[in-house]
């Protein structure tokens, strides 16, 4: 999931898969790089840092969207980020065919932020 998002968001160098995987980022210090979070302390901050989102990754045969979204929102709060999103991989499907799930409350906040930014 992190690799897919970094590729789609333009964070990786062209051809990084063919070369040195250790230097895949255009700028390793860019805060917009999508990274897997390391659990530190009691408050979980999500599986992925996808600024301004805390991402919770799920890959299960059956879905419990309500608990995934609830968990993502708690983890966003713990991480000090405004939005939580659950990344849900579909069984036997490519990563890009999965789902990014938020609550309607989070969706409205995202729309508001985009409109305030001029979209």
Protein backbone atom coordinates (compact mmCIF):
# COMPACT_ATOMS: atom_id res chain seq x y z
CA UNK A 1 0.00 0.00 0.00
CA UNK A 2 2.78 2.45 0.89
CA UNK A 3 4.65 1.73 -2.35
CA UNK A 4 1.50 2.13 -4.42
CA UNK A 5 0.59 5.45 -2.78
CA UNK A 6 4.14 6.80 -3.07
CA UNK A 7 4.19 5.92 -6.78
CA UNK A 8 0.80 7.54 -7.41
CA UNK A 9 1.69 10.67 -5.40
CA UNK A 10 5.00 11.13 -7.22
CA UNK A 11 7.26 10.54 -4.24
CA UNK A 12 9.47 7.87 -5.83
CA UNK A 13 12.22 8.24 -8.44
CA UNK A 14 11.42 6.98 -11.92
CA UNK A 15 12.68 3.43 -12.37
CA UNK A 16 13.30 2.84 -8.66
CA UNK A 17 12.14 -0.78 -8.97
CA UNK A 18 14.90 -1.52 -11.47
CA UNK A 19 17.67 0.07 -9.45
CA UNK A 20 18.66 0.63 -5.86
CA UNK A 21 15.57 0.14 -3.67
CA UNK A 22 17.36 1.87 -0.80
CA UNK A 23 17.04 5.26 -2.51
CA UNK A 24 13.56 5.03 -3.98
CA UNK A 25 12.39 8.44 -2.71
CA UNK A 26 13.05 11.60 -4.69
CA UNK A 27 13.70 13.25 -1.32
CA UNK A 28 13.98 10.86 1.65
CA UNK A 29 13.26 13.75 4.07
CA UNK A 30 10.04 14.94 2.39
CA UNK A 31 7.22 14.89 4.98
CA UNK A 32 4.82 13.89 2.19
CA UNK A 33 6.47 10.48 1.77
CA UNK A 34 4.05 7.72 2.71
CA UNK A 35 5.68 5.63 5.40
CA UNK A 36 4.74 2.68 7.53
CA UNK A 37 4.40 3.86 11.10
CA UNK A 38 6.30 2.27 13.96
CA UNK A 39 4.19 1.72 17.04
CA UNK A 40 5.51 3.91 19.85
CA UNK A 41 3.81 3.94 23.21
CA UNK A 42 0.25 2.98 24.05
CA UNK A 43 -1.53 5.25 21.54
CA UNK A 44 -1.57 3.69 18.05
CA UNK A 45 -1.05 6.21 15.23
CA UNK A 46 -2.13 3.96 12.34
CA UNK A 47 -0.35 1.70 9.91
CA UNK A 48 0.55 4.42 7.39
CA UNK A 49 1.34 8.10 7.62
CA UNK A 50 -0.26 9.66 4.54
CA UNK A 51 -0.23 13.31 5.53
CA UNK A 52 -2.86 14.67 6.34
CA UNK A 53 -4.31 11.17 6.93
CA UNK A 54 -3.60 8.40 9.39
CA UNK A 55 -4.17 5.19 7.43
CA UNK A 56 -5.32 1.89 8.84
CA UNK A 57 -4.65 -1.04 6.47
CA UNK A 58 -6.93 -4.07 6.36
CA UNK A 59 -6.87 -7.19 4.19
CA UNK A 60 -9.54 -9.62 5.35
CA UNK A 61 -12.07 -11.95 3.73
CA UNK A 62 -15.05 -10.17 5.30
CA UNK A 63 -15.30 -6.47 6.07
CA UNK A 64 -16.20 -4.58 9.21
CA UNK A 65 -16.09 -1.06 7.79
CA UNK A 66 -17.52 0.60 10.89
CA UNK A 67 -14.74 -0.70 13.15
CA UNK A 68 -12.05 0.05 10.54
CA UNK A 69 -13.19 3.67 10.21
CA UNK A 70 -13.59 4.06 13.97
CA UNK A 71 -10.04 2.74 14.47
CA UNK A 72 -8.65 5.03 11.75
CA UNK A 73 -10.28 8.10 13.32
CA UNK A 74 -8.91 7.29 16.78
CA UNK A 75 -5.45 6.76 15.29
CA UNK A 76 -5.63 10.06 13.37
CA UNK A 77 -6.40 11.84 16.62
CA UNK A 78 -3.48 10.06 18.33
CA UNK A 79 -1.19 11.09 15.46
CA UNK A 80 -2.37 14.71 15.55
CA UNK A 81 -3.74 14.44 12.00
CA UNK A 82 -7.14 15.77 10.87
CA UNK A 83 -8.32 12.73 8.90
CA UNK A 84 -8.47 8.96 9.38
CA UNK A 85 -8.89 6.55 6.48
CA UNK A 86 -9.20 2.78 6.32
CA UNK A 87 -7.42 1.21 3.35
CA UNK A 88 -9.25 -2.03 2.63
CA UNK A 89 -7.71 -4.50 0.18
CA UNK A 90 -10.13 -6.67 -1.73
CA UNK A 91 -9.41 -10.40 -1.64
CA UNK A 92 -7.57 -11.62 -4.76
CA UNK A 93 -7.42 -8.08 -6.22
CA UNK A 94 -4.65 -5.58 -6.84
CA UNK A 95 -3.98 -2.90 -4.20
CA UNK A 96 -5.35 -0.15 -6.46
CA UNK A 97 -8.69 -1.96 -6.70
CA UNK A 98 -9.27 -1.75 -2.95
CA UNK A 99 -11.12 0.91 -1.02
CA UNK A 100 -10.25 4.05 0.92
CA UNK A 101 -13.06 4.33 3.47
CA UNK A 102 -13.92 7.29 5.69
CA UNK A 103 -16.92 8.35 7.71
CA UNK A 104 -19.31 10.90 6.24
CA UNK A 105 -18.05 13.30 8.95
CA UNK A 106 -14.49 12.91 7.67
CA UNK A 107 -15.62 13.17 4.06
CA UNK A 108 -17.39 16.48 4.83
CA UNK A 109 -14.24 17.79 6.56
CA UNK A 110 -12.15 16.84 3.50
CA UNK A 111 -14.60 18.59 1.15
CA UNK A 112 -14.57 21.68 3.40
CA UNK A 113 -10.74 21.73 3.44
CA UNK A 114 -10.57 21.36 -0.36
CA UNK A 115 -13.09 24.16 -0.87
CA UNK A 116 -11.16 26.42 1.51
CA UNK A 117 -8.04 25.67 -0.56
CA UNK A 118 -9.83 26.85 -3.70
CA UNK A 119 -11.19 23.65 -5.20
